[in-house]
N, C-alpha and C. Protein backbone atom coordinates (compact mmCIF):
# COMPACT_ATOMS: atom_id res chain seq x y z
N MET A 1 77.88 26.93 233.58
CA MET A 1 79.33 27.03 232.77
C MET A 1 79.59 27.42 231.63
N THR A 2 81.13 27.71 231.01
CA THR A 2 81.66 28.78 230.81
C THR A 2 82.18 28.11 228.91
N THR A 3 81.91 29.00 228.38
CA THR A 3 82.07 28.68 226.78
C THR A 3 82.99 29.57 225.99
N THR A 4 83.69 29.05 225.10
CA THR A 4 84.46 29.97 224.32
C THR A 4 84.15 30.34 223.14
N TYR A 5 83.96 31.55 222.54
CA TYR A 5 83.67 31.86 221.46
C TYR A 5 84.18 32.82 220.73
N ALA A 6 84.05 32.89 219.50
CA ALA A 6 84.95 33.88 218.43
C ALA A 6 83.47 34.81 217.92
N ALA A 7 83.79 36.26 218.06
CA ALA A 7 82.89 37.10 217.39
C ALA A 7 83.64 37.74 216.19
N LEU A 8 82.70 37.26 214.97
CA LEU A 8 83.64 37.56 213.58
C LEU A 8 82.82 39.18 213.31
N LEU A 9 83.69 40.07 213.31
CA LEU A 9 83.04 41.09 212.77
C LEU A 9 82.96 41.51 211.23
N ARG A 10 81.96 42.27 211.10
CA ARG A 10 82.03 42.47 209.41
C ARG A 10 82.59 43.69 208.87
N GLY A 11 83.25 44.22 208.08
CA GLY A 11 83.52 45.10 207.49
C GLY A 11 84.29 46.07 208.41
N ILE A 12 85.05 45.89 209.43
CA ILE A 12 85.82 46.99 210.03
C ILE A 12 87.26 47.10 209.51
N ASN A 13 87.94 48.02 209.97
CA ASN A 13 89.16 48.71 209.53
C ASN A 13 89.61 48.30 207.82
N VAL A 14 88.66 48.68 207.15
CA VAL A 14 89.11 48.18 205.76
C VAL A 14 88.80 49.46 204.95
N GLY A 15 89.92 50.04 204.27
CA GLY A 15 89.99 51.15 203.48
C GLY A 15 90.21 52.60 204.53
N GLY A 16 90.41 52.42 205.38
CA GLY A 16 90.72 53.35 206.40
C GLY A 16 89.22 53.87 207.38
N SER A 17 88.33 53.43 206.70
CA SER A 17 87.06 53.66 207.52
C SER A 17 86.57 52.49 208.68
N ARG A 18 85.74 53.19 209.35
CA ARG A 18 85.05 52.01 210.16
C ARG A 18 86.21 51.35 211.09
N LYS A 19 86.72 52.37 211.77
CA LYS A 19 88.06 52.08 212.51
C LYS A 19 87.83 51.11 214.03
N VAL A 20 88.14 49.95 214.29
CA VAL A 20 87.90 49.39 215.35
C VAL A 20 89.15 48.95 216.14
N PRO A 21 89.95 49.74 216.69
CA PRO A 21 91.16 49.17 217.28
C PRO A 21 90.88 48.16 218.07
N MET A 22 91.93 47.45 217.92
CA MET A 22 91.80 46.00 218.45
C MET A 22 91.92 45.84 220.15
N ALA A 23 92.89 47.04 220.33
CA ALA A 23 92.75 47.24 222.05
C ALA A 23 91.56 47.61 222.83
N GLU A 24 91.08 48.54 221.96
CA GLU A 24 89.66 48.91 222.51
C GLU A 24 88.33 47.72 222.32
N LEU A 25 88.52 47.21 221.33
CA LEU A 25 87.69 46.10 221.24
C LEU A 25 87.76 45.08 222.29
N ARG A 26 89.06 44.88 222.71
CA ARG A 26 89.28 43.77 223.95
C ARG A 26 88.87 44.32 224.97
N THR A 27 88.81 45.87 225.33
CA THR A 27 88.52 46.61 226.66
C THR A 27 86.74 46.50 226.40
N LEU A 28 86.36 46.47 225.48
CA LEU A 28 85.09 46.64 225.29
C LEU A 28 84.14 45.16 225.66
N VAL A 29 84.90 44.17 224.94
CA VAL A 29 84.42 42.88 225.43
C VAL A 29 84.51 42.54 226.75
N THR A 30 85.81 43.02 227.14
CA THR A 30 85.88 42.72 228.67
C THR A 30 84.92 42.91 229.64
N GLY A 31 84.56 44.39 229.51
CA GLY A 31 83.68 45.61 229.98
C GLY A 31 81.83 44.69 229.82
N LEU A 32 81.67 43.77 229.05
CA LEU A 32 80.45 43.17 228.83
C LEU A 32 80.48 41.90 229.73
N GLY A 33 81.57 41.59 230.70
CA GLY A 33 81.71 40.48 231.34
C GLY A 33 82.33 39.46 231.05
N HIS A 34 82.94 39.15 229.93
CA HIS A 34 83.59 38.33 229.29
C HIS A 34 85.10 38.28 229.55
N ASP A 35 85.80 36.73 229.86
CA ASP A 35 86.96 36.37 230.10
C ASP A 35 88.11 36.08 229.16
N GLY A 36 89.00 35.80 229.42
CA GLY A 36 90.24 35.59 228.44
C GLY A 36 90.01 36.42 227.16
N VAL A 37 89.36 37.54 227.17
CA VAL A 37 89.70 38.27 225.60
C VAL A 37 90.92 38.34 224.95
N ARG A 38 91.03 37.75 223.75
CA ARG A 38 92.19 38.03 222.60
C ARG A 38 91.36 38.26 221.41
N THR A 39 92.26 39.05 220.29
CA THR A 39 91.68 39.22 219.20
C THR A 39 92.67 38.88 218.52
N HIS A 40 92.70 38.71 216.96
CA HIS A 40 93.36 38.01 215.88
C HIS A 40 93.46 39.17 214.67
N LEU A 41 94.32 39.48 214.41
CA LEU A 41 94.48 40.35 213.34
C LEU A 41 93.65 41.71 213.43
N GLN A 42 93.59 42.61 212.85
CA GLN A 42 93.04 43.75 212.63
C GLN A 42 91.74 43.70 212.07
N SER A 43 91.31 42.57 211.31
CA SER A 43 90.23 42.28 210.51
C SER A 43 88.86 42.47 211.14
N GLY A 44 88.94 41.79 212.55
CA GLY A 44 87.65 41.71 213.33
C GLY A 44 87.47 40.32 213.40
N GLN A 45 88.25 39.71 214.51
CA GLN A 45 87.98 38.35 215.24
C GLN A 45 88.36 38.90 216.74
N ALA A 46 87.30 38.68 217.42
CA ALA A 46 87.64 38.19 219.05
C ALA A 46 87.19 37.26 219.41
N VAL A 47 88.12 36.59 220.35
CA VAL A 47 87.58 35.40 221.31
C VAL A 47 87.62 35.70 222.44
N PHE A 48 86.54 34.89 223.18
CA PHE A 48 86.46 35.44 224.37
C PHE A 48 85.74 34.15 225.39
N ALA A 49 85.49 34.43 226.48
CA ALA A 49 84.66 33.12 227.28
C ALA A 49 83.41 33.95 227.75
N ALA A 50 82.75 33.37 227.97
CA ALA A 50 81.01 33.74 228.72
C ALA A 50 80.24 32.45 229.25
N ASP A 51 79.86 32.91 230.36
CA ASP A 51 79.29 31.72 231.13
C ASP A 51 77.67 32.40 230.77
N HIS A 52 76.93 33.14 230.18
CA HIS A 52 75.98 33.65 229.84
C HIS A 52 75.28 33.79 228.55
N GLY A 53 74.32 33.42 228.10
CA GLY A 53 73.87 33.93 226.43
C GLY A 53 74.25 32.92 225.67
N ASP A 54 73.67 33.09 224.69
CA ASP A 54 74.20 32.14 223.44
C ASP A 54 74.44 32.82 222.11
N GLU A 55 74.84 32.31 220.97
CA GLU A 55 75.28 33.12 220.34
C GLU A 55 74.58 34.13 219.70
N GLU A 56 73.46 34.08 219.38
CA GLU A 56 72.76 35.34 218.75
C GLU A 56 72.39 36.06 219.89
N SER A 57 72.37 35.92 221.04
CA SER A 57 72.59 37.31 222.21
C SER A 57 73.63 37.92 222.06
N LEU A 58 74.59 36.86 222.64
CA LEU A 58 75.97 37.85 222.64
C LEU A 58 76.45 38.43 221.21
N ALA A 59 76.03 38.25 220.01
CA ALA A 59 76.40 39.01 218.94
C ALA A 59 75.65 40.21 218.58
N ALA A 60 74.51 39.99 219.70
CA ALA A 60 73.40 41.35 219.82
C ALA A 60 73.90 42.18 220.58
N GLU A 61 74.25 41.68 221.79
CA GLU A 61 75.19 42.58 222.64
C GLU A 61 76.35 43.14 222.32
N LEU A 62 77.18 42.52 221.59
CA LEU A 62 78.28 42.86 221.17
C LEU A 62 78.32 43.85 219.96
N ALA A 63 77.40 43.81 219.02
CA ALA A 63 76.91 44.78 218.22
C ALA A 63 76.46 46.21 218.80
N SER A 64 75.67 46.21 219.57
CA SER A 64 75.03 47.50 220.53
C SER A 64 76.10 48.26 220.95
N ALA A 65 76.84 47.50 221.94
CA ALA A 65 78.09 47.67 222.59
C ALA A 65 78.86 48.63 221.55
N ILE A 66 79.43 48.12 220.16
CA ILE A 66 80.31 48.46 219.51
C ILE A 66 79.75 49.78 218.69
N GLU A 67 78.21 49.83 218.60
CA GLU A 67 77.54 51.07 218.19
C GLU A 67 77.72 51.80 218.72
N LYS A 68 77.37 51.74 220.14
CA LYS A 68 77.48 52.77 221.35
C LYS A 68 78.85 53.66 221.56
N HIS A 69 79.77 52.54 221.53
CA HIS A 69 81.10 52.98 221.75
C HIS A 69 81.83 53.65 220.61
N PHE A 70 81.56 53.30 219.58
CA PHE A 70 82.58 53.80 218.20
C PHE A 70 81.54 54.79 217.54
N GLY A 71 80.23 54.48 217.59
CA GLY A 71 79.05 55.55 216.59
C GLY A 71 79.06 54.88 215.60
N PHE A 72 79.22 53.67 215.11
CA PHE A 72 78.71 53.29 214.05
C PHE A 72 78.21 51.62 214.06
N ALA A 73 77.17 50.88 213.24
CA ALA A 73 76.94 50.22 213.43
C ALA A 73 77.67 48.84 212.71
N VAL A 74 77.86 47.97 213.42
CA VAL A 74 78.55 46.80 212.77
C VAL A 74 78.27 45.46 213.12
N ASP A 75 77.81 44.59 211.81
CA ASP A 75 77.13 43.29 212.00
C ASP A 75 78.15 42.61 212.58
N VAL A 76 77.65 41.50 213.66
CA VAL A 76 78.29 40.51 214.46
C VAL A 76 78.00 39.30 214.07
N ILE A 77 78.60 38.19 214.27
CA ILE A 77 78.28 36.90 214.11
C ILE A 77 79.33 36.20 215.25
N VAL A 78 78.29 35.36 216.22
CA VAL A 78 79.23 34.91 217.11
C VAL A 78 79.38 33.03 217.11
N ARG A 79 80.56 32.59 217.15
CA ARG A 79 80.34 31.09 216.81
C ARG A 79 81.07 30.29 218.13
N ASP A 80 80.84 29.34 218.72
CA ASP A 80 81.59 28.88 219.75
C ASP A 80 82.57 27.85 219.25
N HIS A 81 83.62 27.21 219.94
CA HIS A 81 84.63 26.29 219.36
C HIS A 81 84.06 25.24 218.46
N ALA A 82 82.80 24.25 219.08
CA ALA A 82 82.46 23.18 218.40
C ALA A 82 82.17 23.43 217.14
N TYR A 83 81.44 24.38 216.83
CA TYR A 83 81.00 24.86 215.63
C TYR A 83 82.17 25.27 214.39
N LEU A 84 83.41 26.09 215.26
CA LEU A 84 84.15 26.47 214.17
C LEU A 84 85.11 25.19 213.92
N LYS A 85 85.38 24.49 214.95
CA LYS A 85 86.03 23.10 214.82
C LYS A 85 85.60 22.14 213.63
N ALA A 86 84.04 22.30 213.85
CA ALA A 86 83.20 21.35 213.03
C ALA A 86 83.43 22.09 211.32
N ILE A 87 83.22 23.38 211.34
CA ILE A 87 83.61 23.97 209.92
C ILE A 87 84.98 23.66 209.39
N ALA A 88 85.88 23.57 210.10
CA ALA A 88 87.32 22.99 209.56
C ALA A 88 87.34 21.93 209.27
N ASP A 89 86.86 20.46 209.58
CA ASP A 89 86.75 19.34 209.69
C ASP A 89 86.12 19.10 208.61
N ASN A 90 84.96 19.29 208.28
CA ASN A 90 84.29 19.28 207.62
C ASN A 90 84.31 20.06 205.87
N CYS A 91 85.70 20.69 205.95
CA CYS A 91 86.03 21.22 204.82
C CYS A 91 85.74 20.47 203.57
N PRO A 92 84.89 20.49 202.36
CA PRO A 92 84.92 19.82 201.28
C PRO A 92 85.75 19.74 200.39
N PHE A 93 86.64 20.56 200.56
CA PHE A 93 88.19 20.79 199.65
C PHE A 93 89.34 20.30 200.50
N PRO A 94 90.12 19.75 199.50
CA PRO A 94 91.64 19.43 200.44
C PRO A 94 92.44 20.38 201.16
N ALA A 95 91.69 21.15 202.00
CA ALA A 95 92.40 22.32 202.75
C ALA A 95 93.93 21.95 202.64
N ALA A 96 94.48 20.63 203.26
CA ALA A 96 96.00 20.41 203.72
C ALA A 96 96.72 20.66 202.15
N GLU A 97 95.97 20.35 200.82
CA GLU A 97 97.01 20.49 199.81
C GLU A 97 96.74 21.73 199.09
N LEU A 98 96.00 23.08 199.77
CA LEU A 98 95.77 24.11 198.83
C LEU A 98 96.41 25.08 199.99
N GLU A 99 97.10 26.22 199.07
CA GLU A 99 97.52 27.51 199.79
C GLU A 99 96.11 27.76 200.37
N PRO A 100 96.73 28.34 201.79
CA PRO A 100 95.39 29.28 202.54
C PRO A 100 94.89 30.36 201.79
N LYS A 101 95.32 31.11 201.09
CA LYS A 101 94.82 32.00 200.24
C LYS A 101 93.37 31.37 199.25
N GLN A 102 93.75 30.50 199.00
CA GLN A 102 92.86 29.76 198.06
C GLN A 102 91.49 29.24 198.41
N LEU A 103 91.41 29.20 199.67
CA LEU A 103 90.06 28.15 200.31
C LEU A 103 89.60 29.67 201.25
N HIS A 104 88.51 29.86 201.44
CA HIS A 104 87.91 30.67 202.46
C HIS A 104 86.37 30.12 202.87
N VAL A 105 86.03 30.45 203.95
CA VAL A 105 85.12 30.28 204.49
C VAL A 105 83.94 31.65 204.38
N THR A 106 82.92 31.86 204.25
CA THR A 106 81.88 32.53 204.39
C THR A 106 80.72 32.18 205.63
N TYR A 107 81.01 32.61 207.03
CA TYR A 107 79.97 32.59 207.69
C TYR A 107 78.55 33.20 207.54
N PHE A 108 77.80 32.67 207.90
CA PHE A 108 76.35 32.85 207.95
C PHE A 108 75.67 33.41 209.37
N SER A 109 74.84 34.44 209.28
CA SER A 109 73.84 34.44 210.53
C SER A 109 72.57 33.58 210.88
N ALA A 110 72.67 32.80 209.52
CA ALA A 110 71.51 31.71 209.60
C ALA A 110 71.57 30.57 208.87
N PRO A 111 70.85 29.46 208.84
CA PRO A 111 71.02 28.97 208.02
C PRO A 111 70.76 29.30 206.32
N VAL A 112 71.49 28.41 205.23
CA VAL A 112 71.44 28.95 204.05
C VAL A 112 70.65 27.73 203.20
N GLU A 113 69.75 27.97 202.28
CA GLU A 113 69.39 26.56 201.29
C GLU A 113 70.32 26.68 200.18
N ALA A 114 70.26 26.01 199.49
CA ALA A 114 70.78 25.64 198.05
C ALA A 114 70.28 26.63 196.86
N GLU A 115 68.72 26.96 197.32
CA GLU A 115 68.13 27.13 196.31
C GLU A 115 68.72 28.94 196.00
N ARG A 116 69.24 29.49 197.11
CA ARG A 116 69.64 31.11 197.17
C ARG A 116 70.63 30.89 196.30
N PHE A 117 71.25 29.80 195.92
CA PHE A 117 72.24 30.00 194.87
C PHE A 117 72.30 29.28 193.55
N ALA A 118 70.68 29.14 193.22
CA ALA A 118 70.42 28.15 192.04
C ALA A 118 70.88 29.00 190.84
N GLU A 119 70.90 30.49 190.73
CA GLU A 119 70.90 31.13 189.78
C GLU A 119 72.31 31.25 189.15
N ILE A 120 73.31 30.71 190.07
CA ILE A 120 74.90 30.98 189.59
C ILE A 120 74.97 29.73 188.71
N ASP A 121 75.66 29.87 187.64
CA ASP A 121 76.18 28.80 186.82
C ASP A 121 77.69 28.37 187.16
N ARG A 122 77.71 27.54 187.87
CA ARG A 122 78.83 26.90 188.70
C ARG A 122 79.73 26.46 187.41
N ASP A 123 79.59 25.96 186.42
CA ASP A 123 80.69 25.43 185.57
C ASP A 123 80.97 26.70 184.68
N ALA A 124 80.52 28.05 184.81
CA ALA A 124 80.95 29.05 184.20
C ALA A 124 82.35 29.52 184.81
N HIS A 125 82.38 29.34 186.06
CA HIS A 125 83.34 29.73 186.95
C HIS A 125 84.31 28.76 187.16
N LEU A 126 84.51 27.42 186.58
CA LEU A 126 85.47 26.82 187.18
C LEU A 126 86.90 27.44 186.75
N PRO A 127 87.98 27.01 187.47
CA PRO A 127 88.06 26.06 188.35
C PRO A 127 87.70 26.51 189.58
N GLU A 128 86.93 27.84 189.79
CA GLU A 128 86.64 28.04 191.03
C GLU A 128 85.53 27.19 191.67
N GLU A 129 85.06 27.00 192.75
CA GLU A 129 84.05 26.17 193.21
C GLU A 129 83.42 26.66 194.52
N PHE A 130 82.34 26.51 194.79
CA PHE A 130 81.74 26.73 195.96
C PHE A 130 80.98 25.42 196.83
N ARG A 131 80.65 25.32 197.95
CA ARG A 131 80.19 24.40 198.78
C ARG A 131 79.24 24.89 199.94
N LEU A 132 78.21 24.49 200.11
CA LEU A 132 77.62 24.63 201.06
C LEU A 132 77.74 23.93 202.58
N GLY A 133 78.05 24.47 203.73
CA GLY A 133 78.17 23.95 205.04
C GLY A 133 77.03 24.16 205.69
N ASP A 134 77.07 23.86 206.93
CA ASP A 134 76.28 24.40 208.18
C ASP A 134 76.55 26.01 208.43
N ARG A 135 75.45 27.01 208.17
CA ARG A 135 75.70 28.10 208.28
C ARG A 135 76.92 28.74 207.78
N ALA A 136 77.57 28.24 206.35
CA ALA A 136 78.47 28.55 205.96
C ALA A 136 78.43 27.84 204.44
N LEU A 137 79.46 28.92 203.88
CA LEU A 137 80.10 28.36 202.41
C LEU A 137 81.36 28.68 202.30
N TYR A 138 81.78 27.50 201.37
CA TYR A 138 83.27 27.18 201.26
C TYR A 138 83.56 27.56 199.93
N LEU A 139 84.71 28.51 199.93
CA LEU A 139 85.03 28.84 198.52
C LEU A 139 86.64 28.47 198.39
N TYR A 140 86.48 27.90 197.02
CA TYR A 140 87.75 27.45 196.45
C TYR A 140 87.98 28.19 195.22
N ALA A 141 88.76 29.40 195.52
CA ALA A 141 89.36 30.28 194.43
C ALA A 141 91.02 30.33 194.41
N PRO A 142 91.16 29.44 193.24
CA PRO A 142 92.84 29.41 193.05
C PRO A 142 93.52 30.38 192.84
N ASN A 143 92.86 31.56 192.36
CA ASN A 143 93.71 32.57 192.15
C ASN A 143 93.72 33.69 193.17
N GLY A 144 92.83 33.34 194.10
CA GLY A 144 92.95 34.41 195.47
C GLY A 144 91.27 34.93 195.27
N LEU A 145 91.09 35.40 196.60
CA LEU A 145 89.89 36.07 196.58
C LEU A 145 89.80 37.49 195.86
N GLY A 146 90.63 38.13 195.96
CA GLY A 146 90.63 39.64 195.14
C GLY A 146 90.33 39.74 193.60
N ARG A 147 90.93 38.25 192.97
CA ARG A 147 90.46 38.03 191.81
C ARG A 147 89.63 37.13 191.09
N SER A 148 88.90 36.67 192.12
CA SER A 148 87.45 35.62 192.30
C SER A 148 86.44 36.30 191.68
N LYS A 149 85.82 35.81 190.48
CA LYS A 149 84.57 36.68 189.83
C LYS A 149 83.32 35.92 190.79
N LEU A 150 83.78 34.42 190.94
CA LEU A 150 82.81 33.88 191.89
C LEU A 150 82.42 34.52 193.09
N ALA A 151 83.46 34.86 193.73
CA ALA A 151 83.48 35.49 195.21
C ALA A 151 82.75 36.68 194.96
N GLU A 152 82.85 37.49 193.72
CA GLU A 152 81.93 38.93 193.76
C GLU A 152 80.38 38.60 193.35
N ILE A 153 80.33 37.48 192.65
CA ILE A 153 78.86 37.11 192.60
C ILE A 153 77.92 36.57 194.05
N LEU A 154 78.94 35.85 194.63
CA LEU A 154 78.75 35.18 195.91
C LEU A 154 78.22 36.50 197.16
N SER A 155 78.69 37.59 196.80
CA SER A 155 78.78 38.72 197.87
C SER A 155 77.74 39.67 197.82
N ARG A 156 77.02 39.32 196.17
CA ARG A 156 76.07 40.47 195.88
C ARG A 156 74.73 40.19 197.12
N PRO A 157 74.33 41.65 197.29
CA PRO A 157 73.24 41.47 198.08
C PRO A 157 72.17 40.76 198.16
N ARG A 158 71.50 40.66 196.77
CA ARG A 158 70.36 40.10 196.77
C ARG A 158 70.46 38.09 196.84
N ILE A 159 71.70 37.99 196.85
CA ILE A 159 72.24 36.52 197.05
C ILE A 159 72.15 36.34 198.96
N ASN A 160 72.58 37.47 199.44
CA ASN A 160 72.70 37.46 201.05
C ASN A 160 71.55 38.35 201.72
N LYS A 161 70.60 38.01 201.01
CA LYS A 161 69.48 39.53 201.60
C LYS A 161 69.06 38.61 202.97
N GLY A 162 68.83 39.15 203.91
CA GLY A 162 68.52 39.04 205.06
C GLY A 162 69.62 37.98 205.82
N LEU A 163 70.68 38.13 205.49
CA LEU A 163 71.68 37.44 206.28
C LEU A 163 72.87 38.55 206.70
N ILE A 164 73.57 37.91 207.57
CA ILE A 164 74.86 38.68 207.79
C ILE A 164 75.85 37.76 207.36
N ALA A 165 76.93 37.99 206.40
CA ALA A 165 77.87 37.36 206.06
C ALA A 165 79.42 37.69 205.98
N THR A 166 80.01 36.79 206.59
CA THR A 166 81.52 37.62 206.44
C THR A 166 82.61 36.45 206.11
N SER A 167 83.38 36.98 205.55
CA SER A 167 84.13 35.55 205.24
C SER A 167 85.76 35.75 205.75
N ARG A 168 86.53 34.80 205.85
CA ARG A 168 87.67 34.57 206.33
C ARG A 168 88.60 33.69 205.51
N ASN A 169 89.65 33.81 205.22
CA ASN A 169 90.64 33.07 204.71
C ASN A 169 90.99 31.89 205.52
N TRP A 170 91.44 30.57 205.07
CA TRP A 170 91.52 29.45 205.82
C TRP A 170 92.69 29.55 206.75
N ASN A 171 93.53 30.36 206.68
CA ASN A 171 94.64 30.78 207.85
C ASN A 171 93.81 30.91 209.11
N THR A 172 92.76 32.17 208.92
CA THR A 172 91.87 32.70 209.94
C THR A 172 90.95 31.51 210.46
N VAL A 173 90.49 30.85 209.79
CA VAL A 173 89.47 29.73 209.83
C VAL A 173 90.23 29.05 211.16
N VAL A 174 91.68 28.37 210.80
CA VAL A 174 92.07 27.69 211.58
C VAL A 174 92.83 28.26 212.75
N LYS A 175 92.98 29.28 212.67
CA LYS A 175 93.39 30.46 214.18
C LYS A 175 92.31 30.18 214.78
N LEU A 176 91.29 30.49 214.48
CA LEU A 176 90.07 30.59 215.20
C LEU A 176 89.57 29.17 216.09
N VAL A 177 89.90 28.17 215.29
CA VAL A 177 89.32 27.08 216.13
C VAL A 177 90.65 26.90 217.06
N GLU A 178 92.09 27.15 216.75
CA GLU A 178 92.86 27.12 217.62
C GLU A 178 92.59 27.74 218.97
N MET A 179 92.29 29.29 218.90
CA MET A 179 92.18 30.35 219.75
C MET A 179 91.07 29.78 220.64
N THR A 180 89.98 29.31 220.29
CA THR A 180 88.76 29.00 220.88
C THR A 180 88.98 27.70 221.46
N GLY A 181 89.67 26.80 221.43
CA GLY A 181 90.28 25.45 221.96
C GLY A 181 90.95 25.56 223.11
N ALA A 182 91.84 26.63 223.32
CA ALA A 182 92.75 27.06 224.07
C ALA A 182 91.99 27.22 225.42
């Protein structure tokens, strides 16, 4: 049975380093035996169909191929359409009422427990807020991610220790649901 997935690459094509041209990424993913390969933007999203593997093995396969081809390691999270749709559908914030730049999802490589975030004084960062989901964190940042003090705290290595974490704005969250559902 063929399943459609999105691969989320962390930290590529930012500031002129760790360049992964999307045309090369599409060729690389196709070369791994996957079908219907498409990319979205330059920030590291590839959609593909696979008839073998699971999210973890596909992520490891792609990360290994990227390191071999480009010469540097890239963290990769792979999620299927059903998961991506559930993340969008279960957003605890009123996404339809917000500007897409105000809402972000951080995808994690594994489940996260609330205790990981216990030291964060949520009231001190209002009106910014975050909520946990299934291997994800939803962040409402009314002034955008670049100005968010809460986003800065949430991205600290000690908070995310042992996890791959990569964030996407709401437009990209919705687009990945659309692309994997086609």
